[in-house]
Amino acid sequence: MQYNKTQRPVYLNLLQIKLPVTGILSILHRLTGVLMVFSLPFLVYLLDLSLNNRNDFDAVVMIFSHPLMKVLLGIYLWFLAHHLMAGIRFLLLDLDLGVEKDAARRSAFIVNYLGLILFVVILYGVFSV
Protein backbone atom coordinates (compact mmCIF):
# COMPACT_ATOMS: atom_id res chain seq x y z
CA MET A 1 0.00 0.00 0.00
CA GLN A 2 1.35 3.36 -0.95
CA TYR A 3 0.83 6.50 1.14
CA ASN A 4 0.83 9.97 -0.23
CA LYS A 5 2.63 12.68 1.73
CA THR A 6 -0.49 14.01 3.45
CA GLN A 7 -1.12 10.71 5.28
CA ARG A 8 2.39 10.28 6.67
CA PRO A 9 3.14 11.32 10.23
CA VAL A 10 5.08 14.53 10.55
CA TYR A 11 8.17 14.82 12.74
CA LEU A 12 8.12 18.19 14.48
CA ASN A 13 11.40 19.39 15.91
CA LEU A 14 10.23 21.79 18.62
CA LEU A 15 13.66 23.44 18.74
CA GLN A 16 13.34 24.56 15.12
CA ILE A 17 9.84 26.02 15.32
CA LYS A 18 9.92 29.81 15.27
CA LEU A 19 7.15 31.04 17.54
CA PRO A 20 5.92 34.61 17.18
CA VAL A 21 6.48 36.87 20.15
CA THR A 22 2.81 36.60 21.07
CA GLY A 23 3.19 32.82 21.34
CA ILE A 24 6.28 33.16 23.53
CA LEU A 25 4.40 35.60 25.76
CA SER A 26 1.47 33.23 26.07
CA ILE A 27 3.73 30.30 27.01
CA LEU A 28 5.64 32.43 29.55
CA HIS A 29 2.35 33.64 31.03
CA ARG A 30 1.17 30.08 31.57
CA LEU A 31 4.57 28.91 32.82
CA THR A 32 4.90 31.73 35.36
CA GLY A 33 1.38 31.05 36.61
CA VAL A 34 2.09 27.35 37.12
CA LEU A 35 5.43 28.00 38.83
CA MET A 36 3.87 30.56 41.17
CA VAL A 37 1.12 28.11 42.14
CA PHE A 38 3.67 25.36 42.86
CA SER A 39 5.79 27.72 44.98
CA LEU A 40 2.86 28.92 47.11
CA PRO A 41 2.97 26.03 49.63
CA PHE A 42 6.63 26.77 50.40
CA LEU A 43 5.97 30.49 50.78
CA VAL A 44 2.92 29.88 52.98
CA TYR A 45 5.01 27.49 55.10
CA LEU A 46 7.68 30.18 55.55
CA LEU A 47 5.01 32.74 56.48
CA ASP A 48 3.50 30.35 59.02
CA LEU A 49 6.96 29.58 60.41
CA SER A 50 7.80 33.27 60.74
CA LEU A 51 4.65 33.90 62.77
CA ASN A 52 5.29 31.15 65.35
CA ASN A 53 7.90 32.77 67.58
CA ARG A 54 11.01 34.94 67.51
CA ASN A 55 13.44 32.03 66.90
CA ASP A 56 11.44 30.78 63.90
CA PHE A 57 11.22 34.33 62.57
CA ASP A 58 15.02 34.64 62.82
CA ALA A 59 15.36 31.30 60.99
CA VAL A 60 13.17 32.59 58.15
CA VAL A 61 15.21 35.81 58.02
CA MET A 62 18.37 33.69 57.72
CA ILE A 63 16.79 31.67 54.90
CA PHE A 64 15.91 34.85 53.00
CA SER A 65 19.36 36.35 53.59
CA HIS A 66 21.05 33.49 51.71
CA PRO A 67 22.24 34.64 48.24
CA LEU A 68 20.56 31.71 46.45
CA MET A 69 17.28 32.52 48.16
CA LYS A 70 17.63 36.15 47.09
CA VAL A 71 18.01 35.03 43.47
CA LEU A 72 15.01 32.71 43.78
CA LEU A 73 12.99 35.51 45.35
CA GLY A 74 14.00 37.86 42.52
CA ILE A 75 12.97 35.24 39.96
CA TYR A 76 9.68 34.72 41.80
CA LEU A 77 9.05 38.46 41.73
CA TRP A 78 9.81 38.44 37.99
CA PHE A 79 7.22 35.66 37.62
CA LEU A 80 4.73 37.81 39.49
CA ALA A 81 5.48 41.00 37.53
CA HIS A 82 5.47 39.23 34.16
CA HIS A 83 2.30 37.30 34.94
CA LEU A 84 0.54 40.46 36.10
CA MET A 85 1.52 42.51 33.03
CA ALA A 86 0.71 39.68 30.63
CA GLY A 87 -2.60 39.14 32.41
CA ILE A 88 -3.51 42.80 31.99
CA ARG A 89 -2.56 42.53 28.31
CA PHE A 90 -4.79 39.47 27.90
CA LEU A 91 -7.67 41.23 29.65
CA LEU A 92 -7.31 44.14 27.23
CA LEU A 93 -7.31 41.67 24.34
CA ASP A 94 -10.52 40.18 25.73
CA LEU A 95 -12.01 43.68 25.56
CA ASP A 96 -10.96 43.86 21.88
CA LEU A 97 -8.26 46.45 22.61
CA GLY A 98 -5.02 45.89 20.71
CA VAL A 99 -6.28 42.84 18.83
CA GLU A 100 -4.81 43.93 15.50
CA LYS A 101 -1.68 42.02 14.53
CA ASP A 102 0.75 44.94 14.81
CA ALA A 103 -0.69 46.19 18.10
CA ALA A 104 -0.67 42.69 19.58
CA ARG A 105 2.97 42.19 18.57
CA ARG A 106 3.95 45.55 19.98
CA SER A 107 2.22 44.93 23.29
CA ALA A 108 3.80 41.46 23.54
CA PHE A 109 7.27 42.94 23.04
CA ILE A 110 6.53 45.64 25.61
CA VAL A 111 5.38 43.09 28.21
CA ASN A 112 8.44 40.87 27.62
CA TYR A 113 10.89 43.76 27.82
CA LEU A 114 9.21 45.28 30.87
CA GLY A 115 9.37 41.88 32.55
CA LEU A 116 13.12 41.70 31.96
CA ILE A 117 13.66 45.30 33.08
CA LEU A 118 11.64 44.72 36.25
CA PHE A 119 13.63 41.54 36.89
CA VAL A 120 16.92 43.49 36.77
CA VAL A 121 15.52 46.27 38.96
CA ILE A 122 14.14 43.77 41.48
CA LEU A 123 17.42 41.84 41.62
CA TYR A 124 19.32 45.07 42.15
CA GLY A 125 16.92 46.00 44.94
CA VAL A 126 17.13 42.56 46.58
CA PHE A 127 20.93 42.44 46.52
CA SER A 128 21.40 46.03 47.66
CA VAL A 129 19.33 45.51 50.82
C-alpha atoms as a PDB file:
ATOM      1  CA  MET A   1       0.000   0.000   0.000  1.00  0.00           C
ATOM      2  CA  GLN A   2       1.354   3.358  -0.950  1.00  0.00           C
ATOM      3  CA  TYR A   3       0.831   6.499   1.136  1.00  0.00           C
ATOM      4  CA  ASN A   4       0.830   9.966  -0.225  1.00  0.00           C
ATOM      5  CA  LYS A   5       2.632  12.682   1.734  1.00  0.00           C
ATOM      6  CA  THR A   6      -0.491  14.009   3.447  1.00  0.00           C
ATOM      7  CA  GLN A   7      -1.117  10.713   5.277  1.00  0.00           C
ATOM      8  CA  ARG A   8       2.388  10.280   6.675  1.00  0.00           C
ATOM      9  CA  PRO A   9       3.141  11.319  10.234  1.00  0.00           C
ATOM     10  CA  VAL A  10       5.078  14.527  10.546  1.00  0.00           C
ATOM     11  CA  TYR A  11       8.168  14.823  12.741  1.00  0.00           C
ATOM     12  CA  LEU A  12       8.124  18.189  14.482  1.00  0.00           C
ATOM     13  CA  ASN A  13      11.399  19.394  15.914  1.00  0.00           C
ATOM     14  CA  LEU A  14      10.230  21.787  18.616  1.00  0.00           C
ATOM     15  CA  LEU A  15      13.660  23.444  18.736  1.00  0.00           C
ATOM     16  CA  GLN A  16      13.335  24.564  15.116  1.00  0.00           C
ATOM     17  CA  ILE A  17       9.838  26.015  15.319  1.00  0.00           C
ATOM     18  CA  LYS A  18       9.916  29.805  15.265  1.00  0.00           C
ATOM     19  CA  LEU A  19       7.146  31.045  17.536  1.00  0.00           C
ATOM     20  CA  PRO A  20       5.918  34.607  17.175  1.00  0.00           C
ATOM     21  CA  VAL A  21       6.483  36.872  20.152  1.00  0.00           C
ATOM     22  CA  THR A  22       2.807  36.602  21.073  1.00  0.00           C
ATOM     23  CA  GLY A  23       3.191  32.817  21.338  1.00  0.00           C
ATOM     24  CA  ILE A  24       6.276  33.163  23.529  1.00  0.00           C
ATOM     25  CA  LEU A  25       4.405  35.605  25.755  1.00  0.00           C
ATOM     26  CA  SER A  26       1.473  33.225  26.069  1.00  0.00           C
ATOM     27  CA  ILE A  27       3.730  30.305  27.009  1.00  0.00           C
ATOM     28  CA  LEU A  28       5.640  32.428  29.550  1.00  0.00           C
ATOM     29  CA  HIS A  29       2.345  33.636  31.035  1.00  0.00           C
ATOM     30  CA  ARG A  30       1.174  30.079  31.575  1.00  0.00           C
ATOM     31  CA  LEU A  31       4.572  28.908  32.825  1.00  0.00           C
ATOM     32  CA  THR A  32       4.897  31.731  35.356  1.00  0.00           C
ATOM     33  CA  GLY A  33       1.382  31.047  36.613  1.00  0.00           C
ATOM     34  CA  VAL A  34       2.087  27.350  37.121  1.00  0.00           C
ATOM     35  CA  LEU A  35       5.427  27.997  38.835  1.00  0.00           C
ATOM     36  CA  MET A  36       3.869  30.561  41.171  1.00  0.00           C
ATOM     37  CA  VAL A  37       1.124  28.114  42.142  1.00  0.00           C
ATOM     38  CA  PHE A  38       3.675  25.363  42.857  1.00  0.00           C
ATOM     39  CA  SER A  39       5.792  27.716  44.980  1.00  0.00           C
ATOM     40  CA  LEU A  40       2.863  28.916  47.112  1.00  0.00           C
ATOM     41  CA  PRO A  41       2.967  26.027  49.627  1.00  0.00           C
ATOM     42  CA  PHE A  42       6.629  26.767  50.398  1.00  0.00           C
ATOM     43  CA  LEU A  43       5.966  30.494  50.785  1.00  0.00           C
ATOM     44  CA  VAL A  44       2.919  29.879  52.981  1.00  0.00           C
ATOM     45  CA  TYR A  45       5.006  27.494  55.097  1.00  0.00           C
ATOM     46  CA  LEU A  46       7.677  30.178  55.549  1.00  0.00           C
ATOM     47  CA  LEU A  47       5.010  32.736  56.475  1.00  0.00           C
ATOM     48  CA  ASP A  48       3.502  30.351  59.024  1.00  0.00           C
ATOM     49  CA  LEU A  49       6.961  29.584  60.411  1.00  0.00           C
ATOM     50  CA  SER A  50       7.804  33.267  60.737  1.00  0.00           C
ATOM     51  CA  LEU A  51       4.651  33.900  62.774  1.00  0.00           C
ATOM     52  CA  ASN A  52       5.286  31.149  65.353  1.00  0.00           C
ATOM     53  CA  ASN A  53       7.896  32.772  67.582  1.00  0.00           C
ATOM     54  CA  ARG A  54      11.006  34.935  67.510  1.00  0.00           C
ATOM     55  CA  ASN A  55      13.437  32.034  66.898  1.00  0.00           C
ATOM     56  CA  ASP A  56      11.436  30.776  63.904  1.00  0.00           C
ATOM     57  CA  PHE A  57      11.223  34.327  62.569  1.00  0.00           C
ATOM     58  CA  ASP A  58      15.016  34.637  62.815  1.00  0.00           C
ATOM     59  CA  ALA A  59      15.362  31.305  60.989  1.00  0.00           C
ATOM     60  CA  VAL A  60      13.174  32.591  58.147  1.00  0.00           C
ATOM     61  CA  VAL A  61      15.211  35.809  58.015  1.00  0.00           C
ATOM     62  CA  MET A  62      18.375  33.687  57.715  1.00  0.00           C
ATOM     63  CA  ILE A  63      16.788  31.673  54.904  1.00  0.00           C
ATOM     64  CA  PHE A  64      15.911  34.847  52.997  1.00  0.00           C
ATOM     65  CA  SER A  65      19.359  36.345  53.592  1.00  0.00           C
ATOM     66  CA  HIS A  66      21.053  33.491  51.713  1.00  0.00           C
ATOM     67  CA  PRO A  67      22.237  34.643  48.238  1.00  0.00           C
ATOM     68  CA  LEU A  68      20.560  31.714  46.447  1.00  0.00           C
ATOM     69  CA  MET A  69      17.276  32.517  48.160  1.00  0.00           C
ATOM     70  CA  LYS A  70      17.630  36.150  47.086  1.00  0.00           C
ATOM     71  CA  VAL A  71      18.013  35.031  43.472  1.00  0.00           C
ATOM     72  CA  LEU A  72      15.011  32.708  43.778  1.00  0.00           C
ATOM     73  CA  LEU A  73      12.993  35.511  45.347  1.00  0.00           C
ATOM     74  CA  GLY A  74      14.003  37.856  42.518  1.00  0.00           C
ATOM     75  CA  ILE A  75      12.966  35.244  39.957  1.00  0.00           C
ATOM     76  CA  TYR A  76       9.681  34.717  41.796  1.00  0.00           C
ATOM     77  CA  LEU A  77       9.050  38.455  41.730  1.00  0.00           C
ATOM     78  CA  TRP A  78       9.808  38.442  37.990  1.00  0.00           C
ATOM     79  CA  PHE A  79       7.219  35.664  37.618  1.00  0.00           C
ATOM     80  CA  LEU A  80       4.729  37.806  39.494  1.00  0.00           C
ATOM     81  CA  ALA A  81       5.481  41.003  37.529  1.00  0.00           C
ATOM     82  CA  HIS A  82       5.467  39.232  34.159  1.00  0.00           C
ATOM     83  CA  HIS A  83       2.303  37.304  34.937  1.00  0.00           C
ATOM     84  CA  LEU A  84       0.545  40.460  36.101  1.00  0.00           C
ATOM     85  CA  MET A  85       1.524  42.509  33.033  1.00  0.00           C
ATOM     86  CA  ALA A  86       0.713  39.685  30.629  1.00  0.00           C
ATOM     87  CA  GLY A  87      -2.599  39.138  32.415  1.00  0.00           C
ATOM     88  CA  ILE A  88      -3.507  42.800  31.993  1.00  0.00           C
ATOM     89  CA  ARG A  89      -2.560  42.530  28.307  1.00  0.00           C
ATOM     90  CA  PHE A  90      -4.794  39.468  27.895  1.00  0.00           C
ATOM     91  CA  LEU A  91      -7.668  41.228  29.654  1.00  0.00           C
ATOM     92  CA  LEU A  92      -7.315  44.143  27.233  1.00  0.00           C
ATOM     93  CA  LEU A  93      -7.305  41.675  24.340  1.00  0.00           C
ATOM     94  CA  ASP A  94     -10.522  40.176  25.726  1.00  0.00           C
ATOM     95  CA  LEU A  95     -12.011  43.676  25.559  1.00  0.00           C
ATOM     96  CA  ASP A  96     -10.958  43.855  21.876  1.00  0.00           C
ATOM     97  CA  LEU A  97      -8.260  46.451  22.606  1.00  0.00           C
ATOM     98  CA  GLY A  98      -5.022  45.886  20.710  1.00  0.00           C
ATOM     99  CA  VAL A  99      -6.284  42.845  18.827  1.00  0.00           C
ATOM    100  CA  GLU A 100      -4.806  43.931  15.498  1.00  0.00           C
ATOM    101  CA  LYS A 101      -1.682  42.017  14.530  1.00  0.00           C
ATOM    102  CA  ASP A 102       0.746  44.938  14.806  1.00  0.00           C
ATOM    103  CA  ALA A 103      -0.689  46.191  18.098  1.00  0.00           C
ATOM    104  CA  ALA A 104      -0.673  42.687  19.577  1.00  0.00           C
ATOM    105  CA  ARG A 105       2.972  42.185  18.567  1.00  0.00           C
ATOM    106  CA  ARG A 106       3.952  45.554  19.977  1.00  0.00           C
ATOM    107  CA  SER A 107       2.218  44.931  23.291  1.00  0.00           C
ATOM    108  CA  ALA A 108       3.803  41.464  23.545  1.00  0.00           C
ATOM    109  CA  PHE A 109       7.271  42.943  23.038  1.00  0.00           C
ATOM    110  CA  ILE A 110       6.528  45.642  25.614  1.00  0.00           C
ATOM    111  CA  VAL A 111       5.384  43.088  28.209  1.00  0.00           C
ATOM    112  CA  ASN A 112       8.436  40.866  27.620  1.00  0.00           C
ATOM    113  CA  TYR A 113      10.895  43.760  27.821  1.00  0.00           C
ATOM    114  CA  LEU A 114       9.214  45.279  30.868  1.00  0.00           C
ATOM    115  CA  GLY A 115       9.368  41.879  32.553  1.00  0.00           C
ATOM    116  CA  LEU A 116      13.118  41.702  31.962  1.00  0.00           C
ATOM    117  CA  ILE A 117      13.659  45.295  33.077  1.00  0.00           C
ATOM    118  CA  LEU A 118      11.641  44.716  36.252  1.00  0.00           C
ATOM    119  CA  PHE A 119      13.629  41.542  36.887  1.00  0.00           C
ATOM    120  CA  VAL A 120      16.915  43.487  36.770  1.00  0.00           C
ATOM    121  CA  VAL A 121      15.515  46.271  38.962  1.00  0.00           C
ATOM    122  CA  ILE A 122      14.140  43.767  41.480  1.00  0.00           C
ATOM    123  CA  LEU A 123      17.424  41.841  41.621  1.00  0.00           C
ATOM    124  CA  TYR A 124      19.316  45.073  42.151  1.00  0.00           C
ATOM    125  CA  GLY A 125      16.923  45.998  44.943  1.00  0.00           C
ATOM    126  CA  VAL A 126      17.128  42.563  46.580  1.00  0.00           C
ATOM    127  CA  PHE A 127      20.931  42.437  46.515  1.00  0.00           C
ATOM    128  CA  SER A 128      21.402  46.029  47.656  1.00  0.00           C
ATOM    129  CA  VAL A 129      19.335  45.509  50.821  1.00  0.00           C
END
